N, C-alpha and C. Protein backbone atom coordinates (compact mmCIF):
# COMPACT_ATOMS: atom_id res chain seq x y z
N MET A 1 16.50 19.38 -19.63
CA MET A 1 15.69 19.26 -18.43
C MET A 1 14.30 19.78 -18.76
N SER A 2 13.29 19.09 -18.31
CA SER A 2 11.92 19.49 -18.62
C SER A 2 11.51 20.71 -17.81
N ASP A 3 10.53 21.44 -18.35
CA ASP A 3 10.02 22.63 -17.66
C ASP A 3 9.45 22.28 -16.30
N ARG A 4 8.83 21.12 -16.22
CA ARG A 4 8.22 20.72 -14.95
C ARG A 4 9.28 20.55 -13.86
N LYS A 5 10.41 19.97 -14.23
CA LYS A 5 11.49 19.79 -13.26
C LYS A 5 12.05 21.13 -12.82
N VAL A 6 12.14 22.07 -13.76
CA VAL A 6 12.65 23.40 -13.43
C VAL A 6 11.70 24.09 -12.45
N VAL A 7 10.40 24.03 -12.74
CA VAL A 7 9.41 24.66 -11.86
C VAL A 7 9.43 24.02 -10.48
N LEU A 8 9.50 22.71 -10.44
CA LEU A 8 9.55 22.02 -9.14
C LEU A 8 10.84 22.35 -8.38
N GLY A 9 11.94 22.47 -9.09
CA GLY A 9 13.20 22.83 -8.46
C GLY A 9 13.16 24.23 -7.87
N ILE A 10 12.60 25.16 -8.63
CA ILE A 10 12.46 26.54 -8.13
C ILE A 10 11.54 26.56 -6.92
N ALA A 11 10.41 25.86 -7.02
CA ALA A 11 9.46 25.83 -5.91
C ALA A 11 10.10 25.24 -4.65
N ALA A 12 10.86 24.18 -4.81
CA ALA A 12 11.52 23.56 -3.65
C ALA A 12 12.56 24.51 -3.05
N GLY A 13 13.28 25.22 -3.90
CA GLY A 13 14.27 26.18 -3.41
C GLY A 13 13.63 27.32 -2.64
N VAL A 14 12.52 27.84 -3.17
CA VAL A 14 11.81 28.92 -2.49
C VAL A 14 11.28 28.45 -1.14
N ALA A 15 10.71 27.25 -1.12
CA ALA A 15 10.18 26.71 0.14
C ALA A 15 11.30 26.51 1.16
N ALA A 16 12.41 25.95 0.72
CA ALA A 16 13.54 25.72 1.64
C ALA A 16 14.09 27.04 2.17
N LEU A 17 14.22 28.03 1.30
CA LEU A 17 14.72 29.34 1.73
C LEU A 17 13.76 29.98 2.73
N GLY A 18 12.47 29.85 2.49
CA GLY A 18 11.49 30.41 3.42
C GLY A 18 11.57 29.76 4.79
N ILE A 19 11.69 28.45 4.81
CA ILE A 19 11.77 27.73 6.08
C ILE A 19 13.04 28.10 6.84
N VAL A 20 14.16 28.13 6.13
CA VAL A 20 15.43 28.46 6.78
C VAL A 20 15.40 29.89 7.32
N SER A 21 14.86 30.82 6.54
CA SER A 21 14.83 32.22 7.00
C SER A 21 13.96 32.38 8.23
N VAL A 22 12.83 31.67 8.29
CA VAL A 22 11.97 31.73 9.47
C VAL A 22 12.67 31.12 10.68
N LEU A 23 13.33 30.01 10.48
CA LEU A 23 14.04 29.36 11.59
C LEU A 23 15.18 30.22 12.12
N VAL A 24 15.92 30.84 11.23
CA VAL A 24 17.02 31.71 11.65
C VAL A 24 16.47 32.93 12.39
N ALA A 25 15.42 33.52 11.86
CA ALA A 25 14.82 34.69 12.51
C ALA A 25 14.29 34.32 13.89
N ARG A 26 13.71 33.14 14.01
CA ARG A 26 13.18 32.71 15.31
C ARG A 26 14.33 32.50 16.30
N LYS A 27 15.41 31.86 15.82
CA LYS A 27 16.55 31.58 16.70
C LYS A 27 17.19 32.88 17.20
N LYS A 28 17.23 33.88 16.35
CA LYS A 28 17.83 35.16 16.74
C LYS A 28 16.85 36.03 17.52
N GLY A 29 15.63 35.57 17.68
CA GLY A 29 14.66 36.29 18.49
C GLY A 29 13.90 37.37 17.74
N TYR A 30 14.01 37.38 16.43
CA TYR A 30 13.29 38.38 15.65
C TYR A 30 11.79 38.11 15.60
N LEU A 31 11.43 36.85 15.78
CA LEU A 31 10.02 36.47 15.70
C LEU A 31 9.57 35.84 17.01
N LYS A 32 8.44 36.26 17.48
CA LYS A 32 7.81 35.61 18.65
C LYS A 32 7.04 34.41 18.13
N SER A 33 6.67 33.50 19.02
CA SER A 33 6.00 32.27 18.62
C SER A 33 4.70 32.53 17.86
N ASP A 34 3.86 33.44 18.36
CA ASP A 34 2.60 33.71 17.67
C ASP A 34 2.85 34.46 16.36
N LYS A 35 3.85 35.31 16.36
CA LYS A 35 4.20 36.03 15.15
C LYS A 35 4.80 35.06 14.11
N LEU A 36 5.54 34.08 14.59
CA LEU A 36 6.11 33.05 13.72
C LEU A 36 5.01 32.29 13.00
N SER A 37 3.99 31.94 13.73
CA SER A 37 2.88 31.21 13.14
C SER A 37 2.21 32.03 12.04
N LYS A 38 2.01 33.31 12.29
CA LYS A 38 1.40 34.18 11.28
C LYS A 38 2.32 34.31 10.06
N GLU A 39 3.62 34.49 10.30
CA GLU A 39 4.58 34.61 9.21
C GLU A 39 4.60 33.33 8.36
N ALA A 40 4.60 32.20 9.02
CA ALA A 40 4.61 30.93 8.30
C ALA A 40 3.36 30.78 7.44
N LYS A 41 2.22 31.18 7.99
CA LYS A 41 0.98 31.10 7.23
C LYS A 41 1.02 32.04 6.02
N ASP A 42 1.53 33.25 6.23
CA ASP A 42 1.65 34.21 5.13
C ASP A 42 2.58 33.69 4.03
N ILE A 43 3.70 33.14 4.45
CA ILE A 43 4.67 32.59 3.49
C ILE A 43 4.02 31.44 2.71
N SER A 44 3.31 30.59 3.42
CA SER A 44 2.65 29.45 2.79
C SER A 44 1.62 29.92 1.76
N GLU A 45 0.80 30.90 2.13
CA GLU A 45 -0.21 31.41 1.20
C GLU A 45 0.43 32.08 -0.01
N ASN A 46 1.48 32.84 0.23
CA ASN A 46 2.19 33.50 -0.87
C ASN A 46 2.81 32.46 -1.81
N PHE A 47 3.40 31.42 -1.23
CA PHE A 47 4.01 30.36 -2.02
C PHE A 47 2.96 29.65 -2.88
N LYS A 48 1.81 29.33 -2.28
CA LYS A 48 0.74 28.67 -3.03
C LYS A 48 0.25 29.54 -4.16
N SER A 49 0.13 30.83 -3.89
CA SER A 49 -0.33 31.77 -4.91
C SER A 49 0.65 31.82 -6.08
N LYS A 50 1.92 31.93 -5.77
CA LYS A 50 2.94 31.97 -6.83
C LYS A 50 2.97 30.67 -7.61
N LEU A 51 2.83 29.55 -6.92
CA LEU A 51 2.83 28.25 -7.59
C LEU A 51 1.62 28.13 -8.52
N ASN A 52 0.45 28.61 -8.08
CA ASN A 52 -0.73 28.59 -8.94
C ASN A 52 -0.54 29.47 -10.16
N GLU A 53 0.09 30.64 -9.98
CA GLU A 53 0.37 31.52 -11.12
C GLU A 53 1.29 30.82 -12.12
N LEU A 54 2.33 30.16 -11.62
CA LEU A 54 3.24 29.42 -12.50
C LEU A 54 2.52 28.30 -13.24
N LYS A 55 1.63 27.63 -12.54
CA LYS A 55 0.87 26.53 -13.14
C LYS A 55 -0.02 27.04 -14.27
N LYS A 56 -0.72 28.17 -14.02
CA LYS A 56 -1.59 28.76 -15.05
C LYS A 56 -0.77 29.19 -16.26
N LYS A 57 0.39 29.81 -16.01
CA LYS A 57 1.23 30.27 -17.11
C LYS A 57 1.76 29.08 -17.91
N ALA A 58 2.16 28.02 -17.22
CA ALA A 58 2.67 26.83 -17.90
C ALA A 58 1.59 26.21 -18.78
N LYS A 59 0.35 26.14 -18.26
CA LYS A 59 -0.75 25.58 -19.06
C LYS A 59 -1.02 26.44 -20.29
N LYS A 60 -1.00 27.77 -20.10
CA LYS A 60 -1.25 28.69 -21.21
C LYS A 60 -0.17 28.54 -22.27
N ASP A 61 1.10 28.49 -21.83
CA ASP A 61 2.22 28.34 -22.77
C ASP A 61 2.17 27.00 -23.50
N LEU A 62 1.81 25.95 -22.79
CA LEU A 62 1.71 24.63 -23.40
C LEU A 62 0.61 24.62 -24.46
N LYS A 63 -0.53 25.21 -24.14
CA LYS A 63 -1.64 25.26 -25.09
C LYS A 63 -1.23 26.02 -26.35
N ALA A 64 -0.55 27.15 -26.17
CA ALA A 64 -0.09 27.94 -27.31
C ALA A 64 0.90 27.15 -28.16
N ALA A 65 1.81 26.43 -27.50
CA ALA A 65 2.81 25.63 -28.23
C ALA A 65 2.14 24.51 -29.01
N LEU A 66 1.15 23.87 -28.40
CA LEU A 66 0.44 22.78 -29.09
C LEU A 66 -0.34 23.32 -30.29
N GLU A 67 -0.97 24.47 -30.13
CA GLU A 67 -1.72 25.07 -31.24
C GLU A 67 -0.79 25.44 -32.38
N GLU A 68 0.37 26.00 -32.05
CA GLU A 68 1.33 26.35 -33.09
C GLU A 68 1.85 25.09 -33.78
N GLY A 69 2.09 24.04 -33.00
CA GLY A 69 2.54 22.78 -33.59
C GLY A 69 1.50 22.21 -34.53
N ASP A 70 0.23 22.27 -34.15
CA ASP A 70 -0.85 21.79 -35.02
C ASP A 70 -0.91 22.61 -36.31
N SER A 71 -0.76 23.92 -36.16
CA SER A 71 -0.79 24.80 -37.32
C SER A 71 0.35 24.47 -38.28
N ARG A 72 1.54 24.28 -37.75
CA ARG A 72 2.68 23.96 -38.60
C ARG A 72 2.53 22.59 -39.25
N ALA A 73 1.95 21.64 -38.51
CA ALA A 73 1.73 20.30 -39.07
C ALA A 73 0.73 20.39 -40.22
N SER A 74 -0.31 21.20 -40.07
CA SER A 74 -1.29 21.37 -41.14
C SER A 74 -0.65 21.98 -42.38
N LYS A 75 0.19 22.97 -42.20
CA LYS A 75 0.89 23.59 -43.34
C LYS A 75 1.79 22.59 -44.03
N ALA A 76 2.48 21.78 -43.24
CA ALA A 76 3.37 20.77 -43.82
C ALA A 76 2.57 19.77 -44.65
N LYS A 77 1.41 19.37 -44.13
CA LYS A 77 0.56 18.43 -44.88
C LYS A 77 0.09 19.05 -46.19
N GLU A 78 -0.25 20.35 -46.16
CA GLU A 78 -0.67 21.04 -47.38
C GLU A 78 0.45 21.04 -48.41
N TRP A 79 1.68 21.34 -47.95
CA TRP A 79 2.82 21.37 -48.86
C TRP A 79 3.07 19.98 -49.46
N ILE A 80 2.95 18.95 -48.64
CA ILE A 80 3.16 17.58 -49.12
C ILE A 80 2.09 17.23 -50.15
N ASN A 81 0.83 17.59 -49.86
CA ASN A 81 -0.25 17.31 -50.81
C ASN A 81 -0.04 18.06 -52.12
N LYS A 82 0.41 19.30 -52.05
CA LYS A 82 0.68 20.08 -53.27
C LYS A 82 1.82 19.43 -54.05
N ALA A 83 2.88 19.02 -53.34
CA ALA A 83 4.02 18.39 -54.00
C ALA A 83 3.62 17.08 -54.66
N ASN A 84 2.76 16.31 -53.99
CA ASN A 84 2.31 15.04 -54.55
C ASN A 84 1.40 15.25 -55.74
N SER A 85 0.62 16.32 -55.76
CA SER A 85 -0.31 16.56 -56.87
C SER A 85 0.43 17.07 -58.12
N ILE A 86 1.61 17.62 -57.95
CA ILE A 86 2.40 18.11 -59.08
C ILE A 86 2.95 16.94 -59.87
N HIS A 87 3.32 15.86 -59.21
CA HIS A 87 3.93 14.71 -59.88
C HIS A 87 2.91 13.87 -60.51
């Protein structure tokens, strides 16, 4: 499974859990209507923040992986060139 699918699955799970918890709290009377609106906004902002953090980390990790792959490819080419020059 790709990393993107995992991140999207986690994000969807967090969003669904947040919505369900707010709805249950509202039904049980723990949240007033105006308080519900504030809570939903806070949850939304927190979710966006976490998603942006995950996105930045994924980009950073991808860049590092690509750089390491390029480095290893360069070393492999050097070894091939050395092997070819010996013959």
